[in-house]
Amino acid sequence: MEVVQVAPGHVVLAGRLDTRCLCSTREVLLAALDDPAALPLDGSAADLVLDVHALEVWDAAGLGLLLAVHRRAARSGRRLVLAGPGPQLRRLLRASRLDRVLVVVDGVPVG
């Protein structure tokens, strides 16, 4: 699993999102949520954008991690946004009905 924070509030996930990499991925995602640099100067909430276009493999534990990060973001008034999921991940989100809970966008927001 490759997890790269490319900018405050913008993280790229690539490779596998499964039980083997949950701890390290969780640490990076929670740190990105807690990063004060990701918050606007006016103190308003900002999205945490996860660019998932390069995810190749995921399992239920990986989806559970995304849901846990979503809940943590919501508690602080923020949103978790999944950007650029491929067709297979979109089908899985639809089948699990997580597409009704998580914010999913086709492209990767810039900025």
Protein backbone atom coordinates (compact mmCIF):
# COMPACT_ATOMS: atom_id res chain seq x y z
CA MET A 1 0.00 0.00 0.00
CA GLU A 2 1.23 3.42 -0.89
CA VAL A 3 -0.29 6.31 1.03
CA VAL A 4 0.89 9.77 0.07
CA GLN A 5 -0.35 13.06 1.46
CA VAL A 6 0.11 15.29 -1.58
CA ALA A 7 -1.29 18.40 0.09
CA PRO A 8 -3.05 19.25 3.33
CA GLY A 9 -6.43 17.54 3.15
CA HIS A 10 -5.56 15.51 0.03
CA VAL A 11 -4.28 11.93 0.31
CA VAL A 12 -3.60 9.44 -2.51
CA LEU A 13 -4.16 5.72 -1.83
CA ALA A 14 -2.56 3.26 -4.24
CA GLY A 15 -2.20 -0.51 -4.32
CA ARG A 16 -3.97 -2.56 -1.67
CA LEU A 17 -6.34 -1.43 1.06
CA ASP A 18 -6.69 -4.56 3.14
CA THR A 19 -5.91 -6.02 6.55
CA ARG A 20 -2.17 -6.08 5.88
CA CYS A 21 -1.87 -2.31 5.73
CA LEU A 22 -4.69 -1.06 7.96
CA CYS A 23 -2.57 0.22 10.85
CA SER A 24 -0.19 2.32 8.79
CA THR A 25 -2.96 3.61 6.53
CA ARG A 26 -5.16 4.49 9.52
CA GLU A 27 -2.30 6.49 11.06
CA VAL A 28 -1.79 8.55 7.90
CA LEU A 29 -5.50 9.20 7.37
CA LEU A 30 -6.13 10.24 10.97
CA ALA A 31 -3.05 12.48 10.91
CA ALA A 32 -4.38 14.09 7.72
CA LEU A 33 -7.71 14.70 9.47
CA ASP A 34 -5.96 16.28 12.45
CA ASP A 35 -3.61 18.41 10.33
CA PRO A 36 -4.35 22.08 11.13
CA ALA A 37 -2.83 23.09 7.76
CA ALA A 38 -5.81 21.43 6.05
CA LEU A 39 -8.29 23.80 7.68
CA PRO A 40 -9.25 27.10 6.08
CA LEU A 41 -8.02 30.23 7.84
CA ASP A 42 -11.60 31.23 8.68
CA GLY A 43 -11.92 28.13 10.88
CA SER A 44 -14.56 26.48 8.72
CA ALA A 45 -14.50 22.74 8.06
CA ALA A 46 -12.67 21.32 5.06
CA ASP A 47 -12.97 18.05 3.18
CA LEU A 48 -10.43 15.25 3.43
CA VAL A 49 -10.09 14.10 -0.17
CA LEU A 50 -8.93 10.52 -0.72
CA ASP A 51 -7.80 9.96 -4.28
CA VAL A 52 -8.58 6.26 -4.74
CA HIS A 53 -8.15 5.98 -8.51
CA ALA A 54 -5.02 3.84 -8.09
CA LEU A 55 -6.46 1.35 -5.59
CA GLU A 56 -6.14 -2.14 -7.03
CA VAL A 57 -7.32 -4.40 -4.20
CA TRP A 58 -9.48 -3.80 -1.13
CA ASP A 59 -11.37 -5.94 1.32
CA ALA A 60 -14.05 -5.51 3.99
CA ALA A 61 -11.44 -4.31 6.49
CA GLY A 62 -10.38 -1.59 4.06
CA LEU A 63 -13.98 -0.48 3.57
CA GLY A 64 -14.39 -0.51 7.35
CA LEU A 65 -11.40 1.81 7.66
CA LEU A 66 -12.94 4.24 5.16
CA LEU A 67 -16.17 4.20 7.14
CA ALA A 68 -14.31 4.80 10.43
CA VAL A 69 -12.42 7.75 8.93
CA HIS A 70 -15.73 9.09 7.55
CA ARG A 71 -17.26 8.95 11.03
CA ARG A 72 -14.25 10.64 12.62
CA ALA A 73 -14.36 13.38 9.99
CA ALA A 74 -18.10 13.90 10.56
CA ARG A 75 -17.56 14.28 14.31
CA SER A 76 -15.27 17.22 13.60
CA GLY A 77 -17.67 18.75 11.06
CA ARG A 78 -15.66 17.61 8.03
CA ARG A 79 -16.37 15.31 5.08
CA LEU A 80 -14.43 12.37 3.72
CA VAL A 81 -14.56 12.51 -0.09
CA LEU A 82 -13.58 9.47 -2.19
CA ALA A 83 -12.29 10.81 -5.48
CA GLY A 84 -11.85 8.88 -8.71
CA PRO A 85 -12.97 5.36 -7.79
CA GLY A 86 -12.80 2.88 -10.64
CA PRO A 87 -15.83 0.90 -11.85
CA GLN A 88 -15.10 -2.10 -9.62
CA LEU A 89 -14.83 -0.02 -6.44
CA ARG A 90 -17.96 1.93 -7.42
CA ARG A 91 -19.87 -1.37 -7.81
CA LEU A 92 -18.67 -2.50 -4.38
CA LEU A 93 -19.68 0.82 -2.79
CA ARG A 94 -23.10 0.52 -4.45
CA ALA A 95 -23.56 -3.14 -3.42
CA SER A 96 -22.61 -2.37 0.19
CA ARG A 97 -24.71 0.82 0.07
CA LEU A 98 -21.71 2.81 1.25
CA ASP A 99 -22.29 5.09 -1.73
CA ARG A 100 -25.26 6.41 0.28
CA VAL A 101 -23.04 7.20 3.26
CA LEU A 102 -19.75 8.31 1.72
CA VAL A 103 -19.28 11.26 -0.63
CA VAL A 104 -18.02 9.84 -3.95
CA VAL A 105 -16.91 12.01 -6.87
CA ASP A 106 -15.71 10.97 -10.32
CA GLY A 107 -12.70 13.23 -10.71
CA VAL A 108 -10.02 14.33 -8.32
CA PRO A 109 -10.68 17.86 -7.04
CA VAL A 110 -7.79 20.24 -7.60
CA GLY A 111 -6.67 22.68 -4.98
